[in-house]
Amino acid sequence: MAMVRGLLADMLVQSNNLSKDGDFSMMDMLHHVTSGFKVMCSNYAYGGIDELRQACGGAGYTLSSGITFIQQDIAPYMTFEGVSVVMT
C-alpha cells in the first residue's frame, strides 16, 4: 500500500509540474489510477470493519460497540460512483 501511495504521490507531483506549463497530458492517467486506488481503499476499509465486527462476535452488532455506525458510514463507498468493478 505504501508503494502505491508513493507512486501516486510522484504522479501527482509530476502532473502538477506539467500543468503549470499548460501540459495536461497526465490527467487522464491520473484519473484512472486514482479511481482504481479508491476502489482498493474502499474494499480494504469495508473488509477490515467487517472483520472487526466478526471478531467481536454478537457484541459487534450492538450499537454500543460503535462498529455498526462505522460500517454504515463505510458501506456506501463501495458503490457511490457505480459498481466498483468498472472503476477497477
Protein backbone atom coordinates (compact mmCIF):
# COMPACT_ATOMS: atom_id res chain seq x y z
CA MET A 1 0.00 0.00 0.00
CA ALA A 2 2.84 2.40 0.84
CA MET A 3 4.45 1.76 -2.53
CA VAL A 4 1.20 2.56 -4.36
CA ARG A 5 0.75 5.71 -2.29
CA GLY A 6 4.32 6.76 -3.12
CA LEU A 7 3.82 6.17 -6.85
CA LEU A 8 0.55 8.06 -6.76
CA ALA A 9 2.19 10.99 -4.97
CA ASP A 10 5.00 11.01 -7.55
CA MET A 11 2.47 11.01 -10.40
CA LEU A 12 0.57 13.88 -8.79
CA VAL A 13 3.70 15.99 -8.40
CA GLN A 14 4.73 15.29 -11.98
CA SER A 15 1.23 16.13 -13.27
CA ASN A 16 1.16 19.38 -11.27
CA ASN A 17 4.55 20.40 -12.64
CA LEU A 18 3.44 19.69 -16.21
CA SER A 19 0.14 21.51 -15.77
CA LYS A 20 1.96 24.68 -14.72
CA ASP A 21 3.29 24.77 -18.29
CA GLY A 22 -0.14 24.03 -19.77
CA ASP A 23 0.52 20.31 -20.34
CA PHE A 24 -2.41 18.28 -19.03
CA SER A 25 -1.38 15.01 -20.68
CA MET A 26 -1.17 13.11 -17.38
CA MET A 27 -4.66 14.00 -16.19
CA ASP A 28 -6.30 11.03 -17.92
CA MET A 29 -3.86 8.50 -16.47
CA LEU A 30 -4.01 10.12 -13.03
CA HIS A 31 -7.81 9.88 -13.10
CA HIS A 32 -7.68 6.16 -13.92
CA VAL A 33 -5.09 5.39 -11.27
CA THR A 34 -6.90 7.30 -8.52
CA SER A 35 -10.21 5.63 -9.43
CA GLY A 36 -8.59 2.22 -9.00
CA PHE A 37 -6.93 3.33 -5.78
CA LYS A 38 -10.32 4.48 -4.45
CA VAL A 39 -11.79 1.03 -5.12
CA MET A 40 -8.85 -0.68 -3.43
CA CYS A 41 -9.05 1.52 -0.33
CA SER A 42 -12.84 1.14 -0.10
CA ASN A 43 -12.55 -2.65 -0.31
CA TYR A 44 -9.85 -2.75 2.37
CA ALA A 45 -11.82 -0.45 4.68
CA TYR A 46 -15.05 -2.40 4.32
CA GLY A 47 -13.30 -5.75 4.76
CA GLY A 48 -11.45 -4.51 7.83
CA ILE A 49 -14.57 -3.16 9.50
CA ASP A 50 -16.46 -6.39 8.79
CA GLU A 51 -13.58 -8.47 10.18
CA LEU A 52 -13.56 -6.30 13.31
CA ARG A 53 -17.31 -6.80 13.74
CA GLN A 54 -16.98 -10.57 13.36
CA ALA A 55 -14.10 -10.70 15.83
CA CYS A 56 -16.37 -9.14 18.44
CA GLY A 57 -18.98 -11.86 17.96
CA GLY A 58 -22.56 -10.88 18.73
CA ALA A 59 -21.38 -7.78 20.55
CA GLY A 60 -20.13 -6.45 17.21
CA TYR A 61 -23.75 -5.97 16.15
CA THR A 62 -24.73 -3.92 19.17
CA LEU A 63 -24.97 -0.18 18.86
CA SER A 64 -22.87 0.26 21.99
CA SER A 65 -19.87 -1.25 20.19
CA GLY A 66 -19.87 1.63 17.72
CA ILE A 67 -18.87 -0.74 14.93
CA THR A 68 -22.30 -0.65 13.30
CA PHE A 69 -22.06 3.13 12.87
CA ILE A 70 -18.64 2.84 11.26
CA GLN A 71 -19.83 0.06 8.97
CA GLN A 72 -22.85 2.14 7.93
CA ASP A 73 -20.55 5.03 7.07
CA ILE A 74 -18.09 2.88 5.09
CA ALA A 75 -20.52 0.57 3.22
CA PRO A 76 -21.81 3.14 0.67
CA TYR A 77 -18.27 3.87 -0.56
CA MET A 78 -18.35 0.52 -2.32
CA THR A 79 -20.99 1.78 -4.78
CA PHE A 80 -21.14 5.59 -4.55
CA GLU A 81 -19.98 6.01 -8.13
CA GLY A 82 -21.37 2.82 -9.60
CA VAL A 83 -20.25 -0.75 -9.42
CA SER A 84 -16.63 -0.83 -8.27
CA VAL A 85 -15.76 -3.49 -10.87
CA VAL A 86 -15.99 -0.81 -13.56
CA MET A 87 -13.60 1.52 -11.72
CA THR A 88 -11.17 -1.32 -11.02
